[in-house]
C-alpha cells in the first residue's frame, strides 16, 4: 500500500536523527539535573524511544515503495472493453453454496454462469430509472455468431449487439424510437435483407391513451435503417410477423396491451405496401404472441398470453379469409400475474409446447404463492396439459436451453422482485434461476449467482464454451449502485 503525498509516514532517517538529538540534548546539557541512580533508567527509556522511532520510519519507507513478498497474480476476471460503453467486471458467486463450506454434489452447482461482465455500464444519477424490457437472440446480419437486440424503453433505444464471442460486443444503436419493448427481424419488403419490426409501447406506466406504435426499421441493404410507422395504438407490447392471409408476404400480429382497453389484431400487408387493420379480439392485457400452425392445416394460427382480467393462454385458430376462432388453452389462477410466453418443444417429442411464467404483482395481486413457471405440454388437437415446473416469486422471462450439457432442455428464469412490495423473507432472494431438467417432468431449481432481484430481461447464448446469460435490470425507483442496463454472466 502506497503512502499518499504529505503523509506523516514520509519521515526520512536524516530527520529521525535530528529528533534523536533533540530528545537527548536536555540530558546531555544538564547531566546533574538527573540523579545518578536514575541515569540508567533514563537511558533505557531513551533507547526504547529511539528503537520505536527507527522501526516506525523503516516501516513507512517500505510502505512508500514496493511491498515485499511474492508478486501478485494477474486478475484474470477483468473484462475487456466494449468501446466506451464497457464497465468493469465483478465476480458472481456460486449459487446455493452451503454455509458450512462443505463440498456439494456437482449436479447441484449451476456452474454455467459465474463471472459477471458489464456490457452497457449504468452509472446511477439523481432520479435515474432503468429498464431493459427484452433481450432477443437474432441473426440480423446473417453472421455465424449470434447477435442480440436489446430493447431499453426508458432510454428510447434499441441496441444491436454483434461479435460478442470474445467477451466484448460491437454495439449499434438503432435510431428514432419512442419506448421500444420488443423487436423482431423480418424481410418486410422482400428485397432479401432483414428489416426490424418494433413494438413501441409509448408509455411504460399504464394508460389507455394511443401512445403506442408499430414501427418498421427498413434496411437499405447496408444496415442503414429508415423508420416507418405502420400504425398507432394503445400501449403495444408485441408486434410479430407472419403470413396470416396466405398471400406470400408478411403481415403483422399486434398485441395492444392498453390498460382497460386493448386488442389482439393483425395488420394485413397489401400489394401497394400499405397495411390494413383487422381486429381479432377486443380486450386489454395481451402481452406476447407466437404465430404457429398448431393444427398443420397450412394456415398460420396465433397463441397469445392474456393477462389483466384474463390470466389465460389463448389460441386463435386461423379459419381463412381473415377469420379466427378463439380457443382457451389454459386458465391460470387470478393472481398468477401472467407475463411470459415462450414456444419450445420441452419434451422433444416433435410438437410445439409452451413455457409460461407468472410473477407480475403490480396490479393489486399479492398472492405470491401462485407465481411460478408452467409447462403446457402439447397433446394434440389444440389440447395442452399444464405442469408446474417451479414456484418462483416474480417469475418473468424464461429461456429454454440445455444449460448443463446433459442432452435435455432446462429452463433459465429471470425473477422480478420490487423489494418494498415484498414480505421480508423474500427480499433477498435470487434474481436468476436455473430449473434443471432431471427427466420425467421433474425439475430442480437452483439460484444462479448473486444477481440483483429486480431482473426483467433474459437471453442465453452459447458461443462454444458454455452458456452465457445476458440479463438486464429494472427499477421504477432511483437506481442503486450495481444496477445495470445490460450485463453478461460468462462461464469460467
Protein backbone atom coordinates (compact mmCIF):
# COMPACT_ATOMS: atom_id res chain seq x y z
CA UNK A 1 0.00 0.00 0.00
CA UNK A 2 1.49 3.34 -1.03
CA UNK A 3 1.55 6.33 1.29
CA UNK A 4 -0.12 9.43 -0.05
CA UNK A 5 1.67 12.73 -0.61
CA UNK A 6 2.02 14.70 2.60
CA UNK A 7 1.61 11.61 4.79
CA UNK A 8 3.19 11.74 8.27
CA UNK A 9 4.90 8.47 7.36
CA UNK A 10 7.18 10.40 4.98
CA UNK A 11 9.84 10.94 7.68
CA UNK A 12 13.40 10.34 6.46
CA UNK A 13 16.13 8.71 8.53
CA UNK A 14 18.01 12.02 8.47
CA UNK A 15 15.09 13.80 10.11
CA UNK A 16 14.83 10.95 12.60
CA UNK A 17 18.45 11.58 13.63
CA UNK A 18 17.62 15.19 14.43
CA UNK A 19 14.66 14.05 16.50
CA UNK A 20 17.01 11.79 18.45
CA UNK A 21 19.38 14.69 19.12
CA UNK A 22 16.54 16.86 20.32
CA UNK A 23 15.35 14.16 22.70
CA UNK A 24 18.83 13.52 24.12
CA UNK A 25 20.06 17.13 24.35
CA UNK A 26 18.37 18.13 27.65
CA UNK A 27 20.07 15.26 29.43
CA UNK A 28 23.42 15.96 27.82
CA UNK A 29 23.34 19.68 28.64
CA UNK A 30 22.22 19.19 32.25
CA UNK A 31 23.64 15.87 33.49
CA UNK A 32 23.39 16.98 37.11
CA UNK A 33 19.67 17.51 36.83
CA UNK A 34 19.16 13.76 36.90
CA UNK A 35 20.21 11.79 39.94
CA UNK A 36 22.87 9.19 39.37
CA UNK A 37 20.52 6.33 40.39
CA UNK A 38 18.04 7.44 37.71
CA UNK A 39 20.51 7.80 34.86
CA UNK A 40 20.37 4.12 33.91
CA UNK A 41 16.57 4.19 33.81
CA UNK A 42 16.51 7.38 31.74
CA UNK A 43 18.99 5.95 29.26
CA UNK A 44 16.91 2.80 28.89
CA UNK A 45 13.79 4.86 28.18
CA UNK A 46 15.63 6.92 25.57
CA UNK A 47 16.98 3.79 23.87
CA UNK A 48 13.47 2.32 23.73
CA UNK A 49 12.09 5.52 22.20
CA UNK A 50 14.87 5.53 19.65
CA UNK A 51 14.18 1.89 18.69
CA UNK A 52 10.46 2.56 18.22
CA UNK A 53 11.13 5.61 16.05
CA UNK A 54 13.55 3.62 13.85
CA UNK A 55 11.04 0.80 13.37
CA UNK A 56 8.29 3.30 12.51
CA UNK A 57 10.42 5.10 9.92
CA UNK A 58 11.62 1.87 8.27
CA UNK A 59 8.05 0.60 8.02
CA UNK A 60 6.90 3.81 6.39
CA UNK A 61 9.77 3.66 3.92
CA UNK A 62 8.77 0.15 2.83
CA UNK A 63 5.13 1.20 2.54
CA UNK A 64 6.08 4.12 0.37
CA UNK A 65 7.91 1.84 -2.04
CA UNK A 66 7.06 -1.62 -3.35
CA UNK A 67 5.87 -4.09 -0.73
CA UNK A 68 7.95 -7.15 -0.10
CA UNK A 69 6.75 -10.67 -0.76
CA UNK A 70 5.82 -12.78 -3.80
CA UNK A 71 4.48 -10.99 -6.91
CA UNK A 72 0.68 -10.74 -7.18
CA UNK A 73 -1.01 -12.96 -9.72
CA UNK A 74 -2.80 -11.05 -12.51
CA UNK A 75 -6.59 -10.82 -12.17
CA UNK A 76 -7.97 -12.95 -14.97
CA UNK A 77 -11.53 -11.76 -14.29
CA UNK A 78 -11.06 -8.23 -15.65
CA UNK A 79 -13.45 -7.60 -18.52
CA UNK A 80 -12.24 -6.32 -21.86
CA UNK A 81 -13.61 -3.01 -23.05
CA UNK A 82 -16.59 -2.62 -25.33
CA UNK A 83 -15.68 0.73 -26.82
CA UNK A 84 -16.64 3.48 -24.37
CA UNK A 85 -19.68 1.62 -23.06
CA UNK A 86 -17.92 -1.07 -21.09
CA UNK A 87 -17.63 -1.07 -17.32
CA UNK A 88 -15.58 -3.29 -15.03
CA UNK A 89 -16.47 -6.87 -14.36
CA UNK A 90 -17.27 -8.33 -10.98
CA UNK A 91 -17.36 -11.90 -9.77
CA UNK A 92 -20.70 -13.60 -9.39
CA UNK A 93 -20.75 -16.03 -6.51
CA UNK A 94 -21.81 -19.64 -6.93
CA UNK A 95 -25.45 -20.24 -6.09
CA UNK A 96 -26.60 -22.34 -3.17
CA UNK A 97 -23.16 -22.54 -1.52
CA UNK A 98 -23.58 -24.29 1.82
CA UNK A 99 -22.90 -22.16 4.89
CA UNK A 100 -20.56 -24.80 6.26
CA UNK A 101 -18.38 -24.62 3.15
CA UNK A 102 -18.68 -28.35 2.59
CA UNK A 103 -18.47 -29.67 -0.96
CA UNK A 104 -21.79 -30.20 -2.73
CA UNK A 105 -22.70 -32.67 -5.43
CA UNK A 106 -21.64 -31.43 -8.87
CA UNK A 107 -25.20 -31.89 -10.13
CA UNK A 108 -26.42 -29.11 -7.84
CA UNK A 109 -23.86 -26.49 -8.82
CA UNK A 110 -25.04 -24.12 -11.56
CA UNK A 111 -21.53 -23.69 -12.90
CA UNK A 112 -22.61 -22.24 -16.23
CA UNK A 113 -22.61 -18.61 -15.10
CA UNK A 114 -20.08 -17.47 -12.55
CA UNK A 115 -18.38 -14.39 -13.95
CA UNK A 116 -20.19 -11.13 -14.50
CA UNK A 117 -19.19 -8.68 -17.21
CA UNK A 118 -20.94 -5.37 -17.67
CA UNK A 119 -21.50 -4.63 -21.35
CA UNK A 120 -23.53 -1.44 -21.13
CA UNK A 121 -22.49 0.23 -17.93
CA UNK A 122 -25.03 2.00 -15.79
CA UNK A 123 -23.78 4.76 -13.52
CA UNK A 124 -26.58 5.90 -11.21
CA UNK A 125 -27.50 9.57 -11.35
CA UNK A 126 -30.13 11.50 -9.39
CA UNK A 127 -33.66 10.28 -10.24
CA UNK A 128 -32.38 7.79 -12.82
CA UNK A 129 -34.58 4.82 -13.67
CA UNK A 130 -33.53 1.84 -15.75
CA UNK A 131 -35.44 -0.77 -17.70
CA UNK A 132 -34.23 -3.42 -20.11
CA UNK A 133 -37.50 -4.83 -21.42
CA UNK A 134 -36.27 -7.67 -23.67
CA UNK A 135 -33.08 -9.26 -24.93
CA UNK A 136 -33.54 -11.37 -28.04
CA UNK A 137 -31.14 -13.55 -29.97
CA UNK A 138 -31.33 -12.74 -33.69
CA UNK A 139 -29.43 -13.17 -36.94
CA UNK A 140 -29.90 -9.77 -38.48
CA UNK A 141 -26.63 -9.74 -40.43
CA UNK A 142 -26.64 -13.46 -41.13
CA UNK A 143 -23.35 -13.99 -39.27
CA UNK A 144 -22.41 -17.37 -37.88
CA UNK A 145 -22.08 -15.86 -34.41
CA UNK A 146 -25.26 -14.96 -32.51
CA UNK A 147 -26.43 -11.36 -32.38
CA UNK A 148 -28.71 -9.65 -29.87
CA UNK A 149 -31.39 -6.96 -29.99
CA UNK A 150 -31.80 -5.19 -26.66
CA UNK A 151 -34.88 -3.02 -26.04
CA UNK A 152 -34.47 -0.25 -23.46
CA UNK A 153 -37.69 1.80 -23.40
CA UNK A 154 -36.76 4.41 -20.79
CA UNK A 155 -33.73 5.31 -22.91
CA UNK A 156 -35.72 5.16 -26.14
CA UNK A 157 -33.07 2.80 -27.51
CA UNK A 158 -32.88 -0.42 -29.44
CA UNK A 159 -29.30 -1.72 -29.31
CA UNK A 160 -27.90 -4.23 -31.78
CA UNK A 161 -25.01 -6.30 -30.40
CA UNK A 162 -22.63 -8.26 -32.59
CA UNK A 163 -19.32 -10.09 -32.18
CA UNK A 164 -19.80 -10.99 -28.52
CA UNK A 165 -17.99 -14.34 -28.62
CA UNK A 166 -14.67 -12.96 -27.38
CA UNK A 167 -16.15 -11.36 -24.28
CA UNK A 168 -16.92 -7.96 -25.81
CA UNK A 169 -19.58 -6.70 -28.19
CA UNK A 170 -19.87 -4.20 -31.03
CA UNK A 171 -22.89 -2.05 -30.17
CA UNK A 172 -25.05 -0.19 -32.70
CA UNK A 173 -27.99 1.90 -31.50
CA UNK A 174 -30.91 1.83 -33.94
CA UNK A 175 -32.41 5.33 -34.03
CA UNK A 176 -35.69 7.18 -33.87
CA UNK A 177 -37.81 5.15 -31.45
CA UNK A 178 -40.04 6.19 -28.56
CA UNK A 179 -40.15 3.41 -25.95
CA UNK A 180 -39.33 0.09 -27.67
CA UNK A 181 -40.06 -3.12 -25.74
CA UNK A 182 -39.65 -5.87 -28.36
CA UNK A 183 -38.03 -6.22 -31.79
CA UNK A 184 -38.04 -8.96 -34.43
CA UNK A 185 -36.13 -9.21 -37.73
CA UNK A 186 -38.24 -9.73 -40.86
CA UNK A 187 -37.80 -9.16 -44.59
CA UNK A 188 -40.85 -6.93 -44.82
CA UNK A 189 -40.28 -5.65 -48.35
CA UNK A 190 -38.94 -8.83 -49.97
CA UNK A 191 -35.62 -7.30 -51.01
CA UNK A 192 -33.53 -10.08 -49.47
CA UNK A 193 -32.21 -8.26 -46.41
CA UNK A 194 -33.71 -8.17 -42.93
CA UNK A 195 -35.61 -5.21 -41.56
CA UNK A 196 -36.63 -4.82 -37.90
CA UNK A 197 -40.21 -4.84 -36.66
CA UNK A 198 -40.57 -2.95 -33.36
CA UNK A 199 -43.28 -2.88 -30.70
CA UNK A 200 -43.11 0.65 -29.25
CA UNK A 201 -45.15 0.72 -26.04
CA UNK A 202 -45.19 4.52 -25.93
CA UNK A 203 -45.60 4.66 -22.14
CA UNK A 204 -44.31 2.18 -19.60
CA UNK A 205 -46.83 3.27 -17.00
CA UNK A 206 -50.43 2.23 -17.52
CA UNK A 207 -52.67 4.35 -19.75
CA UNK A 208 -55.36 3.95 -22.39
CA UNK A 209 -54.02 6.81 -24.48
CA UNK A 210 -52.95 5.97 -28.02
CA UNK A 211 -49.27 6.36 -27.31
CA UNK A 212 -48.10 3.02 -28.76
CA UNK A 213 -46.81 2.42 -32.28
CA UNK A 214 -45.82 -0.43 -34.55
CA UNK A 215 -42.59 0.65 -36.22
CA UNK A 216 -40.68 -0.86 -39.13
CA UNK A 217 -36.97 -0.09 -39.46
CA UNK A 218 -36.33 -0.60 -43.17
CA UNK A 219 -32.83 -1.84 -44.00
CA UNK A 220 -31.33 -0.23 -47.13
CA UNK A 221 -29.01 -3.23 -47.58
CA UNK A 222 -26.07 -1.62 -45.77
CA UNK A 223 -27.69 -1.63 -42.33
CA UNK A 224 -28.82 1.95 -42.56
CA UNK A 225 -32.37 1.86 -41.22
CA UNK A 226 -35.22 4.16 -42.22
CA UNK A 227 -38.15 4.48 -39.85
CA UNK A 228 -41.69 3.73 -40.99
CA UNK A 229 -44.75 3.82 -38.74
CA UNK A 230 -47.26 1.05 -39.57
CA UNK A 231 -49.94 2.06 -37.08
CA UNK A 232 -50.71 3.87 -33.84
CA UNK A 233 -52.35 2.01 -30.96
CA UNK A 234 -52.75 1.99 -27.22
CA UNK A 235 -49.68 0.59 -25.46
CA UNK A 236 -48.15 -2.00 -27.80
CA UNK A 237 -46.46 -4.99 -26.16
CA UNK A 238 -45.74 -7.14 -29.21
CA UNK A 239 -45.54 -6.96 -33.00
CA UNK A 240 -44.89 -10.36 -34.63
CA UNK A 241 -44.53 -11.06 -38.36
CA UNK A 242 -46.46 -13.83 -40.10
CA UNK A 243 -48.36 -14.53 -43.29
CA UNK A 244 -51.88 -14.73 -41.86
CA UNK A 245 -53.78 -14.42 -45.16
CA UNK A 246 -51.60 -16.83 -47.12
CA UNK A 247 -50.69 -14.40 -49.91
CA UNK A 248 -46.94 -14.85 -49.51
CA UNK A 249 -45.94 -11.60 -47.81
CA UNK A 250 -45.51 -10.92 -44.07
CA UNK A 251 -48.36 -9.38 -42.15
CA UNK A 252 -48.04 -8.21 -38.53
CA UNK A 253 -49.75 -9.55 -35.40
CA UNK A 254 -50.21 -6.76 -32.81
CA UNK A 255 -50.66 -7.08 -29.03
CA UNK A 256 -52.33 -3.90 -27.82
CA UNK A 257 -51.97 -4.17 -24.04
CA UNK A 258 -53.59 -0.82 -23.20
CA UNK A 259 -54.99 -0.57 -19.67
CA UNK A 260 -58.76 -1.05 -19.57
CA UNK A 261 -58.99 -1.24 -23.34
CA UNK A 262 -56.84 -3.12 -25.82
CA UNK A 263 -56.95 -5.77 -28.53
CA UNK A 264 -55.31 -8.57 -30.46
CA UNK A 265 -55.23 -7.58 -34.12
CA UNK A 266 -53.28 -8.01 -37.34
CA UNK A 267 -52.05 -5.64 -39.99
CA UNK A 268 -52.57 -7.01 -43.49
CA UNK A 269 -49.82 -6.05 -45.90
CA UNK A 270 -51.36 -5.15 -49.25
CA UNK A 271 -49.87 -5.13 -52.74
CA UNK A 272 -49.07 -1.41 -52.56
CA UNK A 273 -47.08 -1.94 -49.32
CA UNK A 274 -49.77 -0.27 -47.17
CA UNK A 275 -51.33 -2.02 -44.19
CA UNK A 276 -54.95 -2.63 -43.28
CA UNK A 277 -56.02 -3.28 -39.67
CA UNK A 278 -58.12 -6.33 -38.68
CA UNK A 279 -59.26 -6.88 -35.09
CA UNK A 280 -59.26 -10.46 -33.79
CA UNK A 281 -60.25 -9.84 -30.15
CA UNK A 282 -61.01 -6.76 -28.08
CA UNK A 283 -59.77 -6.63 -24.50
CA UNK A 284 -56.77 -5.35 -22.58
CA UNK A 285 -53.80 -7.36 -21.39
CA UNK A 286 -52.21 -9.09 -24.40
CA UNK A 287 -48.51 -9.44 -23.58
CA UNK A 288 -46.89 -11.79 -26.10
CA UNK A 289 -47.87 -13.75 -29.20
CA UNK A 290 -46.49 -16.78 -31.04
CA UNK A 291 -47.59 -17.35 -34.67
CA UNK A 292 -47.61 -21.10 -35.40
CA UNK A 293 -49.66 -23.56 -37.42
CA UNK A 294 -50.91 -25.64 -34.50
CA UNK A 295 -53.22 -27.94 -36.46
CA UNK A 296 -50.96 -28.36 -39.50
CA UNK A 297 -53.68 -27.23 -41.92
CA UNK A 298 -51.38 -24.82 -43.75
CA UNK A 299 -52.82 -21.69 -42.14
CA UNK A 300 -50.93 -19.70 -39.52
CA UNK A 301 -52.61 -19.69 -36.11
CA UNK A 302 -51.70 -17.45 -33.16
CA UNK A 303 -51.13 -18.24 -29.48
CA UNK A 304 -51.41 -15.21 -27.17
CA UNK A 305 -50.82 -14.66 -23.44
CA UNK A 306 -53.65 -12.57 -21.99
CA UNK A 307 -53.07 -11.02 -18.56
CA UNK A 308 -55.12 -8.39 -16.68
CA UNK A 309 -58.62 -9.83 -16.13
CA UNK A 310 -57.98 -12.92 -18.27
CA UNK A 311 -54.88 -14.79 -16.99
CA UNK A 312 -55.19 -17.15 -19.95
CA UNK A 313 -53.22 -18.63 -22.80
CA UNK A 314 -55.47 -18.32 -25.83
CA UNK A 315 -55.15 -19.79 -29.31
CA UNK A 316 -56.76 -18.10 -32.31
CA UNK A 317 -57.27 -20.74 -34.96
CA UNK A 318 -56.98 -19.36 -38.47
CA UNK A 319 -60.11 -20.30 -40.42
CA UNK A 320 -59.01 -18.46 -43.56
CA UNK A 321 -60.46 -15.37 -45.14
CA UNK A 322 -59.30 -13.22 -42.24
CA UNK A 323 -61.43 -15.11 -39.70
CA UNK A 324 -60.12 -16.57 -36.42
CA UNK A 325 -61.72 -18.88 -33.87
CA UNK A 326 -60.79 -18.38 -30.21
CA UNK A 327 -59.81 -21.38 -28.07
CA UNK A 328 -58.63 -21.12 -24.47
CA UNK A 329 -55.65 -23.43 -23.99
CA UNK A 330 -55.11 -22.80 -20.27
CA UNK A 331 -56.55 -20.70 -17.46
CA UNK A 332 -54.22 -19.62 -14.68
CA UNK A 333 -55.08 -18.59 -11.13
CA UNK A 334 -56.41 -15.00 -11.00
CA UNK A 335 -53.30 -13.98 -9.01
CA UNK A 336 -50.83 -15.73 -11.31
CA UNK A 337 -49.66 -12.42 -12.82
CA UNK A 338 -49.11 -13.85 -16.31
CA UNK A 339 -46.25 -12.18 -18.15
CA UNK A 340 -44.19 -14.67 -20.16
CA UNK A 341 -44.87 -17.00 -23.10
CA UNK A 342 -42.13 -19.00 -24.81
CA UNK A 343 -42.58 -21.61 -27.55
CA UNK A 344 -40.33 -24.65 -27.15
CA UNK A 345 -40.53 -28.42 -27.59
CA UNK A 346 -39.54 -29.03 -23.97
CA UNK A 347 -40.02 -32.80 -24.07
CA UNK A 348 -38.57 -33.11 -27.59
CA UNK A 349 -41.45 -35.21 -28.90
CA UNK A 350 -41.75 -33.25 -32.15
CA UNK A 351 -44.61 -30.86 -31.37
CA UNK A 352 -44.60 -27.33 -30.00
CA UNK A 353 -45.10 -26.84 -26.27
CA UNK A 354 -45.16 -23.59 -24.33
CA UNK A 355 -43.39 -22.40 -21.20
CA UNK A 356 -45.44 -19.83 -19.30
CA UNK A 357 -44.26 -17.58 -16.47
CA UNK A 358 -46.29 -15.57 -13.98
CA UNK A 359 -44.94 -13.11 -11.44
CA UNK A 360 -46.48 -9.69 -12.02
CA UNK A 361 -47.78 -8.25 -8.76
CA UNK A 362 -48.00 -4.61 -9.83
CA UNK A 363 -51.81 -4.57 -10.16
CA UNK A 364 -53.28 -5.49 -6.79
CA UNK A 365 -52.15 -9.13 -6.78
CA UNK A 366 -50.25 -10.13 -3.67
CA UNK A 367 -50.90 -13.89 -3.59
CA UNK A 368 -47.24 -14.70 -4.17
CA UNK A 369 -47.83 -18.45 -3.74
CA UNK A 370 -49.39 -18.55 -7.22
CA UNK A 371 -46.29 -17.22 -9.01
CA UNK A 372 -44.08 -19.58 -10.95
CA UNK A 373 -43.29 -21.34 -14.22
CA UNK A 374 -45.59 -23.79 -16.04
CA UNK A 375 -45.05 -26.11 -18.96
CA UNK A 376 -48.01 -26.51 -21.31
CA UNK A 377 -47.44 -29.91 -22.91
CA UNK A 378 -48.94 -30.25 -26.36
CA UNK A 379 -51.15 -33.34 -26.53
CA UNK A 380 -52.63 -32.55 -29.96
CA UNK A 381 -55.83 -31.05 -31.40
CA UNK A 382 -55.40 -27.74 -29.53
CA UNK A 383 -55.19 -29.61 -26.21
CA UNK A 384 -52.48 -28.84 -23.66
CA UNK A 385 -51.69 -30.30 -20.24
CA UNK A 386 -50.31 -27.83 -17.69
CA UNK A 387 -47.47 -28.94 -15.40
CA UNK A 388 -45.99 -26.64 -12.79
CA UNK A 389 -42.20 -26.68 -13.09
CA UNK A 390 -41.46 -24.45 -10.09
CA UNK A 391 -42.98 -21.91 -7.77
CA UNK A 392 -40.92 -18.73 -8.17
CA UNK A 393 -41.95 -15.35 -6.84
CA UNK A 394 -41.79 -12.68 -9.53
CA UNK A 395 -41.07 -15.09 -12.42
CA UNK A 396 -40.82 -13.15 -15.68
CA UNK A 397 -38.70 -14.03 -18.71
CA UNK A 398 -37.71 -17.63 -19.47
CA UNK A 399 -35.32 -19.29 -21.91
CA UNK A 400 -35.46 -23.00 -22.72
CA UNK A 401 -31.93 -24.32 -23.35
CA UNK A 402 -29.66 -27.20 -22.33
CA UNK A 403 -27.77 -25.40 -19.56
CA UNK A 404 -25.72 -28.30 -18.17
CA UNK A 405 -24.91 -30.16 -21.40
CA UNK A 406 -26.67 -33.39 -20.44
CA UNK A 407 -28.80 -33.54 -23.59
CA UNK A 408 -32.18 -32.44 -22.20
CA UNK A 409 -33.72 -28.99 -22.06
CA UNK A 410 -33.60 -26.90 -18.89
CA UNK A 411 -35.25 -23.54 -18.19
CA UNK A 412 -33.49 -20.29 -17.28
CA UNK A 413 -35.70 -17.82 -15.43
CA UNK A 414 -35.40 -14.10 -14.67
CA UNK A 415 -37.17 -13.07 -11.48
CA UNK A 416 -38.60 -9.59 -10.95
CA UNK A 417 -38.86 -8.51 -7.31
CA UNK A 418 -39.56 -5.00 -6.07
CA UNK A 419 -38.25 -5.13 -2.51
CA UNK A 420 -40.60 -2.66 -0.83
CA UNK A 421 -43.65 -4.62 -2.04
CA UNK A 422 -42.40 -7.97 -0.72
CA UNK A 423 -42.51 -9.73 2.64
CA UNK A 424 -39.16 -9.50 4.40
CA UNK A 425 -38.42 -13.19 3.82
CA UNK A 426 -38.46 -12.73 0.03
CA UNK A 427 -36.45 -9.52 -0.37
CA UNK A 428 -33.03 -11.09 -0.66
CA UNK A 429 -33.90 -13.99 -2.95
CA UNK A 430 -32.11 -14.50 -6.25
CA UNK A 431 -32.97 -12.73 -9.47
CA UNK A 432 -31.88 -15.60 -11.73
CA UNK A 433 -32.80 -19.27 -11.51
CA UNK A 434 -31.86 -22.49 -13.27
CA UNK A 435 -34.64 -25.09 -13.49
CA UNK A 436 -32.65 -28.27 -14.03
CA UNK A 437 -34.41 -30.97 -16.03
CA UNK A 438 -33.94 -34.27 -14.22
CA UNK A 439 -36.28 -36.19 -16.51
CA UNK A 440 -39.85 -37.46 -16.16
CA UNK A 441 -41.18 -33.89 -15.84
CA UNK A 442 -39.15 -33.32 -12.66
CA UNK A 443 -37.28 -30.01 -12.44
CA UNK A 444 -34.96 -28.91 -9.62
CA UNK A 445 -34.48 -25.20 -9.09
CA UNK A 446 -31.12 -23.55 -8.33
CA UNK A 447 -30.35 -19.85 -7.79
CA UNK A 448 -27.68 -18.56 -10.15
CA UNK A 449 -25.07 -16.27 -8.65
CA UNK A 450 -25.96 -13.14 -6.70
CA UNK A 451 -27.65 -11.21 -9.48
CA UNK A 452 -29.97 -8.39 -8.26
CA UNK A 453 -33.53 -9.47 -7.65
CA UNK A 454 -35.18 -6.92 -9.96
CA UNK A 455 -34.36 -8.74 -13.21
CA UNK A 456 -36.79 -8.37 -16.09
CA UNK A 457 -34.96 -9.41 -19.28
CA UNK A 458 -33.03 -12.57 -20.11
CA UNK A 459 -31.33 -14.32 -23.01
CA UNK A 460 -28.98 -17.33 -23.00
CA UNK A 461 -26.45 -17.85 -25.81
CA UNK A 462 -23.73 -20.48 -26.22
CA UNK A 463 -20.69 -19.18 -28.11
CA UNK A 464 -18.96 -22.55 -27.93
CA UNK A 465 -17.56 -22.51 -24.41
CA UNK A 466 -20.81 -22.82 -22.47
CA UNK A 467 -24.00 -20.84 -21.95
CA UNK A 468 -23.70 -17.08 -21.46
CA UNK A 469 -26.56 -15.37 -19.59
CA UNK A 470 -27.41 -11.86 -20.80
CA UNK A 471 -29.55 -10.05 -18.24
CA UNK A 472 -30.98 -6.60 -17.60
CA UNK A 473 -32.27 -4.76 -14.53
CA UNK A 474 -35.47 -2.86 -13.98
CA UNK A 475 -36.49 -0.31 -11.39
CA UNK A 476 -39.07 2.46 -11.22
CA UNK A 477 -37.31 3.89 -8.19
CA UNK A 478 -33.93 5.61 -8.24
CA UNK A 479 -31.27 3.18 -9.38
CA UNK A 480 -28.71 1.85 -6.95
CA UNK A 481 -25.03 1.02 -7.36
CA UNK A 482 -24.75 -2.34 -9.07
CA UNK A 483 -27.79 -1.82 -11.29
CA UNK A 484 -27.00 -2.21 -14.98
CA UNK A 485 -28.90 -1.86 -18.18
CA UNK A 486 -27.26 -4.93 -19.63
CA UNK A 487 -24.67 -7.37 -18.33
CA UNK A 488 -23.45 -10.86 -19.18
CA UNK A 489 -22.57 -13.81 -16.98
CA UNK A 490 -19.82 -15.77 -18.69
CA UNK A 491 -18.65 -19.30 -17.86
CA UNK A 492 -15.19 -19.58 -16.37
